[in-house]
């Protein structure tokens, strides 16, 4: 009877799988997940649409560093408020 209340096994497995990936990819800092998607999108557009491979190669580390700096500043600012 307890298994019926929680739902079928297949649904629990799908839900557990989705929750794992949500926690793994997004976790405590959703802004880093969004920044990674934006960075990949910018590099893809630079490389594939405009054929600017050199600019894309430079943009990738620059955007990654900017995302990390912004994330660290937000964390430090949040700690100061406590």
N, C-alpha and C. Protein backbone atom coordinates (compact mmCIF):
# COMPACT_ATOMS: atom_id res chain seq x y z
N UNK A 1 0.80 -1.20 0.00
CA UNK A 1 0.00 0.00 0.00
C UNK A 1 0.85 1.27 0.00
N UNK A 2 2.00 1.24 0.65
CA UNK A 2 2.80 2.46 0.70
C UNK A 2 3.35 2.82 -0.67
N UNK A 3 3.62 1.83 -1.50
CA UNK A 3 4.12 2.10 -2.84
C UNK A 3 3.09 2.80 -3.71
N UNK A 4 1.81 2.51 -3.47
CA UNK A 4 0.76 3.13 -4.27
C UNK A 4 0.60 4.60 -3.94
N UNK A 5 0.86 4.99 -2.71
CA UNK A 5 0.72 6.39 -2.32
C UNK A 5 1.80 7.25 -2.96
N UNK A 6 2.98 6.72 -3.11
CA UNK A 6 4.09 7.50 -3.66
C UNK A 6 4.08 7.50 -5.18
N UNK A 7 3.30 6.68 -5.78
CA UNK A 7 3.22 6.63 -7.23
C UNK A 7 3.93 5.40 -7.77
N UNK A 8 3.73 5.13 -9.05
CA UNK A 8 4.36 3.96 -9.66
C UNK A 8 5.89 4.11 -9.68
N UNK A 9 6.55 2.98 -9.74
CA UNK A 9 8.00 2.95 -9.72
C UNK A 9 8.60 3.76 -10.88
N UNK A 10 8.03 3.61 -12.07
CA UNK A 10 8.56 4.32 -13.24
C UNK A 10 8.51 5.83 -13.01
N UNK A 11 7.42 6.33 -12.45
CA UNK A 11 7.30 7.77 -12.22
C UNK A 11 8.31 8.24 -11.18
N UNK A 12 8.51 7.45 -10.12
CA UNK A 12 9.48 7.83 -9.09
C UNK A 12 10.90 7.84 -9.66
N UNK A 13 11.20 6.89 -10.55
CA UNK A 13 12.53 6.86 -11.16
C UNK A 13 12.76 8.07 -12.07
N UNK A 14 11.76 8.41 -12.86
CA UNK A 14 11.87 9.58 -13.75
C UNK A 14 12.01 10.84 -12.92
N UNK A 15 11.21 10.96 -11.88
CA UNK A 15 11.27 12.14 -11.02
C UNK A 15 12.62 12.24 -10.31
N UNK A 16 13.12 11.13 -9.81
CA UNK A 16 14.43 11.11 -9.16
C UNK A 16 15.54 11.49 -10.12
N UNK A 17 15.46 10.97 -11.35
CA UNK A 17 16.46 11.30 -12.37
C UNK A 17 16.44 12.79 -12.69
N UNK A 18 15.24 13.35 -12.85
CA UNK A 18 15.12 14.79 -13.15
C UNK A 18 15.62 15.63 -11.99
N UNK A 19 15.29 15.25 -10.77
CA UNK A 19 15.76 16.01 -9.61
C UNK A 19 17.27 15.94 -9.46
N UNK A 20 17.86 14.78 -9.78
CA UNK A 20 19.31 14.67 -9.74
C UNK A 20 19.95 15.66 -10.70
N UNK A 21 19.49 15.70 -11.95
CA UNK A 21 20.09 16.59 -12.93
C UNK A 21 19.84 18.06 -12.59
N UNK A 22 18.67 18.36 -12.06
CA UNK A 22 18.40 19.74 -11.63
C UNK A 22 19.40 20.16 -10.56
N UNK A 23 19.59 19.31 -9.57
CA UNK A 23 20.52 19.63 -8.48
C UNK A 23 21.96 19.65 -8.98
N UNK A 24 22.31 18.76 -9.88
CA UNK A 24 23.67 18.69 -10.41
C UNK A 24 24.00 19.90 -11.27
N UNK A 25 23.10 20.30 -12.15
CA UNK A 25 23.37 21.39 -13.08
C UNK A 25 23.12 22.76 -12.46
N UNK A 26 22.08 22.91 -11.71
CA UNK A 26 21.72 24.21 -11.19
C UNK A 26 22.19 24.37 -9.75
N UNK A 27 21.88 23.45 -8.91
CA UNK A 27 22.37 23.45 -7.54
C UNK A 27 22.05 24.72 -6.79
N UNK A 28 23.07 25.26 -6.10
CA UNK A 28 22.88 26.45 -5.28
C UNK A 28 23.07 27.75 -6.05
N UNK A 29 23.63 27.70 -7.23
CA UNK A 29 23.94 28.92 -7.98
C UNK A 29 23.35 28.86 -9.39
N UNK A 30 22.08 29.16 -9.52
CA UNK A 30 21.47 29.13 -10.85
C UNK A 30 22.07 30.16 -11.80
N UNK A 31 22.66 31.24 -11.25
CA UNK A 31 23.24 32.24 -12.15
C UNK A 31 24.44 31.69 -12.91
N UNK A 32 25.17 30.75 -12.34
CA UNK A 32 26.28 30.14 -13.07
C UNK A 32 25.78 29.22 -14.18
N UNK A 33 24.66 28.56 -13.95
CA UNK A 33 24.07 27.74 -15.00
C UNK A 33 23.62 28.61 -16.17
N UNK A 34 22.96 29.71 -15.86
CA UNK A 34 22.51 30.63 -16.91
C UNK A 34 23.72 31.24 -17.62
N UNK A 35 24.75 31.60 -16.86
CA UNK A 35 25.96 32.17 -17.47
C UNK A 35 26.63 31.17 -18.40
N UNK A 36 26.64 29.90 -18.02
CA UNK A 36 27.22 28.88 -18.89
C UNK A 36 26.43 28.75 -20.18
N UNK A 37 25.11 28.77 -20.08
CA UNK A 37 24.28 28.70 -21.29
C UNK A 37 24.50 29.91 -22.19
N UNK A 38 24.58 31.10 -21.58
CA UNK A 38 24.81 32.32 -22.37
C UNK A 38 26.19 32.27 -23.03
N UNK A 39 27.19 31.83 -22.29
CA UNK A 39 28.55 31.74 -22.83
C UNK A 39 28.59 30.78 -24.01
N UNK A 40 28.00 29.62 -23.87
CA UNK A 40 27.97 28.64 -24.96
C UNK A 40 27.22 29.21 -26.15
N UNK A 41 26.12 29.90 -25.90
CA UNK A 41 25.36 30.51 -26.99
C UNK A 41 26.13 31.58 -27.72
N UNK A 42 26.82 32.45 -26.98
CA UNK A 42 27.61 33.51 -27.62
C UNK A 42 28.73 32.93 -28.45
N UNK A 43 29.43 31.96 -27.91
CA UNK A 43 30.54 31.34 -28.65
C UNK A 43 30.01 30.62 -29.89
N UNK A 44 28.87 29.95 -29.78
CA UNK A 44 28.30 29.27 -30.94
C UNK A 44 27.90 30.25 -32.03
N UNK A 45 27.29 31.36 -31.63
CA UNK A 45 26.89 32.36 -32.62
C UNK A 45 28.12 32.96 -33.28
N UNK A 46 29.12 33.31 -32.50
CA UNK A 46 30.34 33.89 -33.07
C UNK A 46 31.00 32.93 -34.05
N UNK A 47 31.03 31.67 -33.70
CA UNK A 47 31.74 30.70 -34.52
C UNK A 47 30.95 30.28 -35.75
N UNK A 48 29.68 29.93 -35.57
CA UNK A 48 28.93 29.33 -36.67
C UNK A 48 28.24 30.33 -37.58
N UNK A 49 27.71 31.39 -37.01
CA UNK A 49 26.97 32.33 -37.85
C UNK A 49 27.88 33.37 -38.49
N UNK A 50 28.84 33.86 -37.70
CA UNK A 50 29.67 34.94 -38.21
C UNK A 50 31.09 34.48 -38.55
N UNK A 51 31.41 33.22 -38.32
CA UNK A 51 32.71 32.62 -38.65
C UNK A 51 33.87 33.39 -38.03
N UNK A 52 33.70 33.82 -36.79
CA UNK A 52 34.73 34.53 -36.06
C UNK A 52 35.36 33.58 -35.04
N UNK A 53 36.12 32.61 -35.52
CA UNK A 53 36.69 31.59 -34.64
C UNK A 53 37.66 32.17 -33.63
N UNK A 54 38.48 33.12 -34.04
CA UNK A 54 39.44 33.73 -33.13
C UNK A 54 38.76 34.50 -32.02
N UNK A 55 37.73 35.24 -32.37
CA UNK A 55 36.98 36.00 -31.37
C UNK A 55 36.26 35.05 -30.42
N UNK A 56 35.73 33.98 -30.96
CA UNK A 56 35.04 32.99 -30.12
C UNK A 56 36.02 32.35 -29.15
N UNK A 57 37.24 32.06 -29.60
CA UNK A 57 38.25 31.46 -28.73
C UNK A 57 38.65 32.41 -27.61
N UNK A 58 38.65 33.70 -27.87
CA UNK A 58 38.95 34.67 -26.82
C UNK A 58 37.74 34.95 -25.93
N UNK A 59 36.56 34.90 -26.50
CA UNK A 59 35.35 35.21 -25.74
C UNK A 59 35.05 34.14 -24.69
N UNK A 60 35.37 32.90 -24.97
CA UNK A 60 35.03 31.82 -24.04
C UNK A 60 35.68 32.01 -22.68
N UNK A 61 36.99 32.15 -22.57
CA UNK A 61 37.56 32.34 -21.23
C UNK A 61 37.18 33.67 -20.59
N UNK A 62 37.03 34.71 -21.40
CA UNK A 62 36.66 36.02 -20.86
C UNK A 62 35.26 35.96 -20.24
N UNK A 63 34.32 35.36 -20.94
CA UNK A 63 32.96 35.25 -20.41
C UNK A 63 32.91 34.33 -19.19
N UNK A 64 33.70 33.29 -19.19
CA UNK A 64 33.74 32.40 -18.02
C UNK A 64 34.28 33.13 -16.80
N UNK A 65 35.34 33.89 -16.99
CA UNK A 65 35.93 34.65 -15.87
C UNK A 65 34.95 35.71 -15.37
N UNK A 66 34.28 36.39 -16.28
CA UNK A 66 33.29 37.40 -15.88
C UNK A 66 32.17 36.75 -15.06
N UNK A 67 31.70 35.60 -15.50
CA UNK A 67 30.63 34.91 -14.77
C UNK A 67 31.09 34.53 -13.37
N UNK A 68 32.30 34.02 -13.26
CA UNK A 68 32.80 33.63 -11.94
C UNK A 68 33.00 34.84 -11.03
N UNK A 69 33.52 35.94 -11.57
CA UNK A 69 33.72 37.14 -10.76
C UNK A 69 32.38 37.68 -10.26
N UNK A 70 31.39 37.72 -11.14
CA UNK A 70 30.06 38.20 -10.74
C UNK A 70 29.48 37.29 -9.66
N UNK A 71 29.64 35.99 -9.81
CA UNK A 71 29.11 35.05 -8.83
C UNK A 71 29.80 35.21 -7.47
N UNK A 72 31.11 35.37 -7.48
CA UNK A 72 31.84 35.54 -6.22
C UNK A 72 31.46 36.85 -5.55
N UNK A 73 31.31 37.91 -6.33
CA UNK A 73 30.90 39.19 -5.75
C UNK A 73 29.52 39.10 -5.13
N UNK A 74 28.61 38.40 -5.79
CA UNK A 74 27.26 38.23 -5.21
C UNK A 74 27.33 37.45 -3.91
N UNK A 75 28.16 36.42 -3.86
CA UNK A 75 28.29 35.62 -2.65
C UNK A 75 28.88 36.43 -1.52
N UNK A 76 29.91 37.22 -1.81
CA UNK A 76 30.55 38.04 -0.79
C UNK A 76 29.58 39.09 -0.28
N UNK A 77 28.85 39.71 -1.18
CA UNK A 77 27.87 40.71 -0.78
C UNK A 77 26.78 40.08 0.08
N UNK A 78 26.37 38.86 -0.26
CA UNK A 78 25.37 38.16 0.54
C UNK A 78 25.87 37.84 1.93
N UNK A 79 27.15 37.48 2.05
CA UNK A 79 27.73 37.19 3.35
C UNK A 79 27.85 38.43 4.21
N UNK A 80 28.15 39.56 3.61
CA UNK A 80 28.27 40.82 4.35
C UNK A 80 26.94 41.26 4.94
N UNK A 81 25.85 40.91 4.26
CA UNK A 81 24.53 41.29 4.75
C UNK A 81 24.12 40.48 5.98
N UNK A 82 24.70 39.34 6.16
CA UNK A 82 24.33 38.49 7.31
C UNK A 82 24.96 39.02 8.50
